[in-house]
Amino acid sequence: MVERAGGGFVLIHVATPLEECERRDRKGLYAKARAGEIPEFTGISSPYEEPTEGIAIDTTSRDIADCLQEILDALVTEGWLSR
């Protein structure tokens, strides 16, 4: 339906390691999941299946501007955007 309307879809996979996600967790959700307080939490008590397609970006130790530039460069390389 999107393609018929002239649009497209690009999967952007934020491939940040679980340890980094837990370190950044301001709400304490990962700690609650590890304590069994949140059932079926992806990556803890429920399996996480990493995408096999799309643009993968690891945000560990990187600022937003750097990550955004990597995504924009990938979109240009794959023909979704032009410079």
Protein backbone atom coordinates (compact mmCIF):
# COMPACT_ATOMS: atom_id res chain seq x y z
CA MET A 1 0.00 0.00 0.00
CA VAL A 2 2.83 2.40 0.84
CA GLU A 3 4.66 1.59 -2.38
CA ARG A 4 1.47 2.13 -4.43
CA ALA A 5 1.25 5.61 -2.89
CA GLY A 6 4.85 6.32 -3.95
CA GLY A 7 6.42 5.75 -0.54
CA GLY A 8 8.90 3.28 0.82
CA PHE A 9 10.10 1.66 4.04
CA VAL A 10 13.56 1.48 5.52
CA LEU A 11 14.31 -0.55 8.63
CA ILE A 12 16.74 1.24 10.96
CA HIS A 13 18.03 -1.22 13.53
CA VAL A 14 19.49 0.43 16.62
CA ALA A 15 21.89 -2.43 17.35
CA THR A 16 22.97 -1.30 20.79
CA PRO A 17 24.15 -4.08 23.14
CA LEU A 18 21.89 -5.11 26.01
CA GLU A 19 24.46 -3.93 28.56
CA GLU A 20 24.34 -0.41 27.11
CA CYS A 21 20.54 -0.42 27.04
CA GLU A 22 20.51 -1.37 30.71
CA ARG A 23 23.05 1.34 31.53
CA ARG A 24 20.88 3.98 29.85
CA ASP A 25 17.61 2.77 31.40
CA ARG A 26 16.27 5.80 33.32
CA LYS A 27 13.02 4.10 34.33
CA GLY A 28 14.60 0.95 35.73
CA LEU A 29 12.61 -1.33 33.46
CA TYR A 30 15.49 -3.71 32.80
CA ALA A 31 16.13 -4.10 36.55
CA LYS A 32 12.42 -4.80 37.09
CA ALA A 33 12.45 -7.34 34.27
CA ARG A 34 15.51 -9.08 35.73
CA ALA A 35 13.73 -9.18 39.11
CA GLY A 36 10.76 -10.87 37.44
CA GLU A 37 8.43 -7.90 37.90
CA ILE A 38 7.89 -7.41 34.15
CA PRO A 39 7.07 -10.64 32.30
CA GLU A 40 8.09 -11.23 28.68
CA PHE A 41 10.52 -8.31 28.51
CA THR A 42 12.40 -8.40 25.22
CA GLY A 43 16.06 -9.30 25.67
CA ILE A 44 15.61 -10.42 29.28
CA SER A 45 12.79 -12.96 29.66
CA SER A 46 11.65 -12.95 26.06
CA PRO A 47 13.98 -13.68 23.14
CA TYR A 48 15.25 -10.89 20.96
CA GLU A 49 15.62 -11.65 17.29
CA GLU A 50 18.04 -9.29 15.58
CA PRO A 51 16.87 -8.17 12.13
CA THR A 52 18.76 -9.66 9.20
CA GLU A 53 18.00 -6.71 6.91
CA GLY A 54 18.00 -2.96 7.17
CA ILE A 55 20.49 -0.36 8.30
CA ALA A 56 22.14 -1.33 11.59
CA ILE A 57 23.65 1.31 13.85
CA ASP A 58 25.32 0.83 17.22
CA THR A 59 24.86 3.96 19.33
CA THR A 60 27.24 2.94 22.12
CA SER A 61 29.55 5.82 23.11
CA ARG A 62 28.35 7.99 20.21
CA ASP A 63 26.50 11.25 20.13
CA ILE A 64 23.21 11.75 18.33
CA ALA A 65 24.69 13.87 15.54
CA ASP A 66 27.23 11.16 14.66
CA CYS A 67 24.54 8.45 14.61
CA LEU A 68 22.24 10.60 12.51
CA GLN A 69 25.00 11.24 9.99
CA GLU A 70 25.64 7.49 9.67
CA ILE A 71 21.95 6.90 8.99
CA LEU A 72 21.78 9.72 6.43
CA ASP A 73 24.91 8.43 4.68
CA ALA A 74 23.40 4.94 4.50
CA LEU A 75 20.14 6.33 3.08
CA VAL A 76 22.11 8.16 0.40
CA THR A 77 24.19 5.05 -0.40
CA GLU A 78 21.05 2.92 -0.72
CA GLY A 79 19.35 5.48 -2.97
CA TRP A 80 16.63 6.67 -0.58
CA LEU A 81 18.04 10.21 -0.38
CA SER A 82 20.19 12.37 -2.63
CA ARG A 83 22.75 14.94 -1.59
